[in-house]
Amino acid sequence: MRSDNLVSMDINELRGWATFMDRAVIVSLIATIMAVAALGITTWLSFRFSGAVRLHEQAVLDQYKGAEGHSVQLERDVATARERVSTLEQEVATARQRTAALEQQVTAARRQATTVEQEAAAARERAEAYGQATREANERAARADRETAAADQLVTRVRHCRRALRDDRNRDRRACNPCLPTHY
């Protein structure tokens, strides 16, 4: 409820109220200044902190990009290593095939060497048999040569004897008949 009477105040009361209002305005002005100062300090700190956060975010982003670039390089290295592994596997397979072929050649060469050794042994046996036969033939030939030499000596003696007999006969004939030729 509102009253319609105006309250009347004396000057001292008004001064008290004016002093109070002056103090209230000063307090509110000080509070406003402090609020503006706090706002300024907060804004300044916010800018500094956001700058630091931005620098940190940029560093993290750069680090991420560096890690991403490094991962791309690692992926390239992995692809290169896979290609190299594939090449090496092909070389190993080729080497294994060559090894198998060489083993087959070695086996064939061993068989052939065994066959050649057997043939060489047979040839040695034949050579030994031929050597023995040659020695025997040489001995027979030597015996035959001795016999031939003995026969030749015998033939030579027989011829000498025949000549001697013929000469003796011719002498005897000449003695009986002097007109016969001396040599025939």
C-alpha atoms as a PDB file:
ATOM      1  CA  MET A   1       0.000   0.000   0.000  1.00  0.00           C
ATOM      2  CA  ARG A   2       1.097   3.188  -0.927  1.00  0.00           C
ATOM      3  CA  SER A   3       0.795   6.114   1.097  1.00  0.00           C
ATOM      4  CA  ASP A   4       0.019   9.449  -0.360  1.00  0.00           C
ATOM      5  CA  ASN A   5       1.793  11.504   2.216  1.00  0.00           C
ATOM      6  CA  LEU A   6       5.084  12.771   1.353  1.00  0.00           C
ATOM      7  CA  VAL A   7       7.697  12.236   3.847  1.00  0.00           C
ATOM      8  CA  SER A   8       9.526  15.270   4.759  1.00  0.00           C
ATOM      9  CA  MET A   9      13.138  15.151   5.665  1.00  0.00           C
ATOM     10  CA  ASP A  10      15.373  17.629   7.170  1.00  0.00           C
ATOM     11  CA  ILE A  11      18.674  18.694   5.680  1.00  0.00           C
ATOM     12  CA  ASN A  12      20.854  16.607   7.941  1.00  0.00           C
ATOM     13  CA  GLU A  13      19.029  13.545   6.979  1.00  0.00           C
ATOM     14  CA  LEU A  14      19.382  14.465   3.338  1.00  0.00           C
ATOM     15  CA  ARG A  15      23.063  15.049   3.805  1.00  0.00           C
ATOM     16  CA  GLY A  16      23.399  11.703   5.465  1.00  0.00           C
ATOM     17  CA  TRP A  17      21.613  10.126   2.566  1.00  0.00           C
ATOM     18  CA  ALA A  18      23.737  12.067   0.047  1.00  0.00           C
ATOM     19  CA  THR A  19      26.934  11.008   1.823  1.00  0.00           C
ATOM     20  CA  PHE A  20      25.672   7.490   1.819  1.00  0.00           C
ATOM     21  CA  MET A  21      24.870   7.726  -1.896  1.00  0.00           C
ATOM     22  CA  ASP A  22      28.244   9.317  -2.594  1.00  0.00           C
ATOM     23  CA  ARG A  23      29.938   6.470  -0.815  1.00  0.00           C
ATOM     24  CA  ALA A  24      27.762   3.943  -2.609  1.00  0.00           C
ATOM     25  CA  VAL A  25      28.643   5.522  -5.974  1.00  0.00           C
ATOM     26  CA  ILE A  26      32.340   5.535  -5.048  1.00  0.00           C
ATOM     27  CA  VAL A  27      32.115   1.908  -3.949  1.00  0.00           C
ATOM     28  CA  SER A  28      30.248   1.013  -7.106  1.00  0.00           C
ATOM     29  CA  LEU A  29      32.797   3.003  -9.168  1.00  0.00           C
ATOM     30  CA  ILE A  30      35.652   1.182  -7.424  1.00  0.00           C
ATOM     31  CA  ALA A  31      33.839  -2.141  -7.961  1.00  0.00           C
ATOM     32  CA  THR A  32      33.358  -1.261 -11.635  1.00  0.00           C
ATOM     33  CA  ILE A  33      37.036  -0.283 -11.989  1.00  0.00           C
ATOM     34  CA  MET A  34      38.061  -3.489 -10.299  1.00  0.00           C
ATOM     35  CA  ALA A  35      35.691  -5.476 -12.514  1.00  0.00           C
ATOM     36  CA  VAL A  36      37.068  -3.757 -15.648  1.00  0.00           C
ATOM     37  CA  ALA A  37      40.643  -4.366 -14.424  1.00  0.00           C
ATOM     38  CA  ALA A  38      39.789  -8.005 -13.696  1.00  0.00           C
ATOM     39  CA  LEU A  39      38.178  -8.244 -17.129  1.00  0.00           C
ATOM     40  CA  GLY A  40      41.281  -6.704 -18.736  1.00  0.00           C
ATOM     41  CA  ILE A  41      43.618  -8.992 -16.832  1.00  0.00           C
ATOM     42  CA  THR A  42      41.427 -11.974 -17.665  1.00  0.00           C
ATOM     43  CA  THR A  43      41.359 -10.964 -21.327  1.00  0.00           C
ATOM     44  CA  TRP A  44      45.130 -10.460 -21.343  1.00  0.00           C
ATOM     45  CA  LEU A  45      45.650 -13.852 -19.686  1.00  0.00           C
ATOM     46  CA  SER A  46      43.137 -15.409 -22.085  1.00  0.00           C
ATOM     47  CA  PHE A  47      45.049 -14.042 -25.085  1.00  0.00           C
ATOM     48  CA  ARG A  48      48.352 -15.268 -23.670  1.00  0.00           C
ATOM     49  CA  PHE A  49      46.933 -18.673 -22.836  1.00  0.00           C
ATOM     50  CA  SER A  50      45.163 -19.010 -26.218  1.00  0.00           C
ATOM     51  CA  GLY A  51      48.447 -18.059 -27.948  1.00  0.00           C
ATOM     52  CA  ALA A  52      50.264 -20.705 -25.939  1.00  0.00           C
ATOM     53  CA  VAL A  53      47.515 -23.200 -26.698  1.00  0.00           C
ATOM     54  CA  ARG A  54      47.682 -22.267 -30.403  1.00  0.00           C
ATOM     55  CA  LEU A  55      51.494 -22.742 -30.368  1.00  0.00           C
ATOM     56  CA  HIS A  56      51.070 -26.068 -28.598  1.00  0.00           C
ATOM     57  CA  GLU A  57      48.369 -27.150 -31.062  1.00  0.00           C
ATOM     58  CA  GLN A  58      50.579 -26.074 -33.983  1.00  0.00           C
ATOM     59  CA  ALA A  59      53.515 -28.022 -32.524  1.00  0.00           C
ATOM     60  CA  VAL A  60      51.296 -31.071 -32.060  1.00  0.00           C
ATOM     61  CA  LEU A  61      49.939 -30.645 -35.598  1.00  0.00           C
ATOM     62  CA  ASP A  62      53.454 -30.271 -36.998  1.00  0.00           C
ATOM     63  CA  GLN A  63      54.531 -33.316 -35.021  1.00  0.00           C
ATOM     64  CA  TYR A  64      51.518 -35.210 -36.371  1.00  0.00           C
ATOM     65  CA  LYS A  65      52.344 -34.099 -39.916  1.00  0.00           C
ATOM     66  CA  GLY A  66      55.960 -35.130 -39.332  1.00  0.00           C
ATOM     67  CA  ALA A  67      54.796 -38.477 -37.981  1.00  0.00           C
ATOM     68  CA  GLU A  68      52.442 -38.797 -40.945  1.00  0.00           C
ATOM     69  CA  GLY A  69      55.306 -37.978 -43.328  1.00  0.00           C
ATOM     70  CA  HIS A  70      57.486 -40.436 -41.459  1.00  0.00           C
ATOM     71  CA  SER A  71      54.748 -43.068 -41.685  1.00  0.00           C
ATOM     72  CA  VAL A  72      54.469 -42.410 -45.430  1.00  0.00           C
ATOM     73  CA  GLN A  73      58.250 -42.887 -45.718  1.00  0.00           C
ATOM     74  CA  LEU A  74      57.985 -46.055 -43.623  1.00  0.00           C
ATOM     75  CA  GLU A  75      55.199 -47.312 -45.890  1.00  0.00           C
ATOM     76  CA  ARG A  76      57.439 -46.658 -48.902  1.00  0.00           C
ATOM     77  CA  ASP A  77      60.277 -48.454 -47.161  1.00  0.00           C
ATOM     78  CA  VAL A  78      57.946 -51.376 -46.392  1.00  0.00           C
ATOM     79  CA  ALA A  79      56.819 -51.513 -50.037  1.00  0.00           C
ATOM     80  CA  THR A  80      60.461 -51.424 -51.174  1.00  0.00           C
ATOM     81  CA  ALA A  81      61.326 -54.143 -48.651  1.00  0.00           C
ATOM     82  CA  ARG A  82      58.408 -56.262 -49.893  1.00  0.00           C
ATOM     83  CA  GLU A  83      59.619 -55.884 -53.471  1.00  0.00           C
ATOM     84  CA  ARG A  84      63.135 -56.808 -52.360  1.00  0.00           C
ATOM     85  CA  VAL A  85      61.776 -59.836 -50.465  1.00  0.00           C
ATOM     86  CA  SER A  86      59.838 -60.877 -53.554  1.00  0.00           C
ATOM     87  CA  THR A  87      62.983 -60.524 -55.682  1.00  0.00           C
ATOM     88  CA  LEU A  88      65.023 -62.473 -53.152  1.00  0.00           C
ATOM     89  CA  GLU A  89      62.388 -65.211 -53.002  1.00  0.00           C
ATOM     90  CA  GLN A  90      62.513 -65.499 -56.786  1.00  0.00           C
ATOM     91  CA  GLU A  91      66.313 -65.654 -56.664  1.00  0.00           C
ATOM     92  CA  VAL A  92      66.125 -68.327 -53.951  1.00  0.00           C
ATOM     93  CA  ALA A  93      63.662 -70.345 -56.053  1.00  0.00           C
ATOM     94  CA  THR A  94      65.945 -70.012 -59.082  1.00  0.00           C
ATOM     95  CA  ALA A  95      68.936 -71.024 -56.979  1.00  0.00           C
ATOM     96  CA  ARG A  96      67.036 -74.048 -55.660  1.00  0.00           C
ATOM     97  CA  GLN A  97      66.153 -75.067 -59.209  1.00  0.00           C
ATOM     98  CA  ARG A  98      69.796 -74.672 -60.247  1.00  0.00           C
ATOM     99  CA  THR A  99      70.846 -76.682 -57.188  1.00  0.00           C
ATOM    100  CA  ALA A 100      68.397 -79.464 -58.081  1.00  0.00           C
ATOM    101  CA  ALA A 101      69.670 -79.472 -61.678  1.00  0.00           C
ATOM    102  CA  LEU A 102      73.267 -79.541 -60.465  1.00  0.00           C
ATOM    103  CA  GLU A 103      72.456 -82.379 -58.062  1.00  0.00           C
ATOM    104  CA  GLN A 104      70.951 -84.324 -60.964  1.00  0.00           C
ATOM    105  CA  GLN A 105      74.059 -83.611 -63.038  1.00  0.00           C
ATOM    106  CA  VAL A 106      76.271 -84.714 -60.136  1.00  0.00           C
ATOM    107  CA  THR A 107      74.237 -87.908 -59.765  1.00  0.00           C
ATOM    108  CA  ALA A 108      74.512 -88.560 -63.502  1.00  0.00           C
ATOM    109  CA  ALA A 109      78.234 -87.787 -63.378  1.00  0.00           C
ATOM    110  CA  ARG A 110      78.660 -90.186 -60.444  1.00  0.00           C
ATOM    111  CA  ARG A 111      76.835 -92.905 -62.365  1.00  0.00           C
ATOM    112  CA  GLN A 112      78.950 -92.189 -65.397  1.00  0.00           C
ATOM    113  CA  ALA A 113      82.096 -92.179 -63.234  1.00  0.00           C
ATOM    114  CA  THR A 114      81.059 -95.542 -61.772  1.00  0.00           C
ATOM    115  CA  THR A 115      80.486 -96.877 -65.271  1.00  0.00           C
ATOM    116  CA  VAL A 116      83.828 -95.485 -66.422  1.00  0.00           C
ATOM    117  CA  GLU A 117      85.545 -97.003 -63.373  1.00  0.00           C
ATOM    118  CA  GLN A 118      83.953-100.352 -64.151  1.00  0.00           C
ATOM    119  CA  GLU A 119      85.003-100.045 -67.789  1.00  0.00           C
ATOM    120  CA  ALA A 120      88.491 -99.002 -66.663  1.00  0.00           C
ATOM    121  CA  ALA A 121      88.675-102.021 -64.338  1.00  0.00           C
ATOM    122  CA  ALA A 122      87.539-104.267 -67.191  1.00  0.00           C
ATOM    123  CA  ALA A 123      90.071-102.582 -69.493  1.00  0.00           C
ATOM    124  CA  ARG A 124      92.794-103.098 -66.860  1.00  0.00           C
ATOM    125  CA  GLU A 125      91.823-106.753 -66.622  1.00  0.00           C
ATOM    126  CA  ARG A 126      91.873-107.045 -70.417  1.00  0.00           C
ATOM    127  CA  ALA A 127      95.185-105.171 -70.540  1.00  0.00           C
ATOM    128  CA  GLU A 128      96.581-107.521 -67.899  1.00  0.00           C
ATOM    129  CA  ALA A 129      95.267-110.502 -69.860  1.00  0.00           C
ATOM    130  CA  TYR A 130      96.718-109.021 -73.068  1.00  0.00           C
ATOM    131  CA  GLY A 131      99.975-108.364 -71.224  1.00  0.00           C
ATOM    132  CA  GLN A 132     100.031-111.950 -70.026  1.00  0.00           C
ATOM    133  CA  ALA A 133      99.174-113.147 -73.533  1.00  0.00           C
ATOM    134  CA  THR A 134     101.882-110.855 -74.927  1.00  0.00           C
ATOM    135  CA  ARG A 135     104.445-112.237 -72.473  1.00  0.00           C
ATOM    136  CA  GLU A 136     103.412-115.750 -73.369  1.00  0.00           C
ATOM    137  CA  ALA A 137     103.533-114.858 -77.077  1.00  0.00           C
ATOM    138  CA  ASN A 138     106.931-113.227 -76.571  1.00  0.00           C
ATOM    139  CA  GLU A 139     108.139-116.314 -74.750  1.00  0.00           C
ATOM    140  CA  ARG A 140     106.776-118.510 -77.572  1.00  0.00           C
ATOM    141  CA  ALA A 141     108.301-116.141 -80.116  1.00  0.00           C
ATOM    142  CA  ALA A 142     111.611-116.256 -78.258  1.00  0.00           C
ATOM    143  CA  ARG A 143     111.365-120.034 -78.150  1.00  0.00           C
ATOM    144  CA  ALA A 144     110.390-120.032 -81.804  1.00  0.00           C
ATOM    145  CA  ASP A 145     113.298-117.684 -82.535  1.00  0.00           C
ATOM    146  CA  ARG A 146     115.624-120.005 -80.652  1.00  0.00           C
ATOM    147  CA  GLU A 147     114.122-122.953 -82.411  1.00  0.00           C
ATOM    148  CA  THR A 148     114.311-121.047 -85.696  1.00  0.00           C
ATOM    149  CA  ALA A 149     117.903-120.126 -84.960  1.00  0.00           C
ATOM    150  CA  ALA A 150     118.591-123.735 -84.062  1.00  0.00           C
ATOM    151  CA  ALA A 151     116.716-124.845 -87.186  1.00  0.00           C
ATOM    152  CA  ASP A 152     118.617-122.250 -89.244  1.00  0.00           C
ATOM    153  CA  GLN A 153     121.869-123.554 -87.828  1.00  0.00           C
ATOM    154  CA  LEU A 154     120.645-127.039 -88.536  1.00  0.00           C
ATOM    155  CA  VAL A 155     119.597-126.021 -92.066  1.00  0.00           C
ATOM    156  CA  THR A 156     122.934-124.294 -92.523  1.00  0.00           C
ATOM    157  CA  ARG A 157     124.714-127.438 -91.339  1.00  0.00           C
ATOM    158  CA  VAL A 158     122.496-129.542 -93.561  1.00  0.00           C
ATOM    159  CA  ARG A 159     123.325-127.271 -96.510  1.00  0.00           C
ATOM    160  CA  HIS A 160     127.006-127.431 -95.664  1.00  0.00           C
ATOM    161  CA  CYS A 161     126.690-131.131 -95.402  1.00  0.00           C
ATOM    162  CA  ARG A 162     124.840-131.345 -98.757  1.00  0.00           C
ATOM    163  CA  ARG A 163     127.365-129.052-100.361  1.00  0.00           C
ATOM    164  CA  ALA A 164     130.120-131.069 -98.877  1.00  0.00           C
ATOM    165  CA  LEU A 165     128.440-134.225-100.141  1.00  0.00           C
ATOM    166  CA  ARG A 166     127.903-132.695-103.557  1.00  0.00           C
ATOM    167  CA  ASP A 167     131.440-131.458-103.644  1.00  0.00           C
ATOM    168  CA  ASP A 168     132.593-134.891-102.612  1.00  0.00           C
ATOM    169  CA  ARG A 169     130.433-136.464-105.307  1.00  0.00           C
ATOM    170  CA  ASN A 170     131.631-134.015-107.881  1.00  0.00           C
ATOM    171  CA  ARG A 171     135.185-134.748-106.936  1.00  0.00           C
ATOM    172  CA  ASP A 172     134.491-138.378-107.170  1.00  0.00           C
ATOM    173  CA  ARG A 173     132.870-137.951-110.586  1.00  0.00           C
ATOM    174  CA  ARG A 174     135.643-135.785-111.837  1.00  0.00           C
ATOM    175  CA  ALA A 175     138.016-138.227-110.659  1.00  0.00           C
ATOM    176  CA  CYS A 176     136.151-140.772-112.680  1.00  0.00           C
ATOM    177  CA  ASN A 177     135.385-138.437-115.560  1.00  0.00           C
ATOM    178  CA  PRO A 178     137.672-135.365-115.957  1.00  0.00           C
ATOM    179  CA  CYS A 179     135.504-133.724-118.701  1.00  0.00           C
ATOM    180  CA  LEU A 180     132.632-132.681-116.356  1.00  0.00           C
ATOM    181  CA  PRO A 181     132.293-129.021-115.376  1.00  0.00           C
ATOM    182  CA  THR A 182     133.595-128.039-112.004  1.00  0.00           C
ATOM    183  CA  HIS A 183     130.696-125.800-110.863  1.00  0.00           C
ATOM    184  CA  TYR A 184     126.989-126.265-111.331  1.00  0.00           C
END
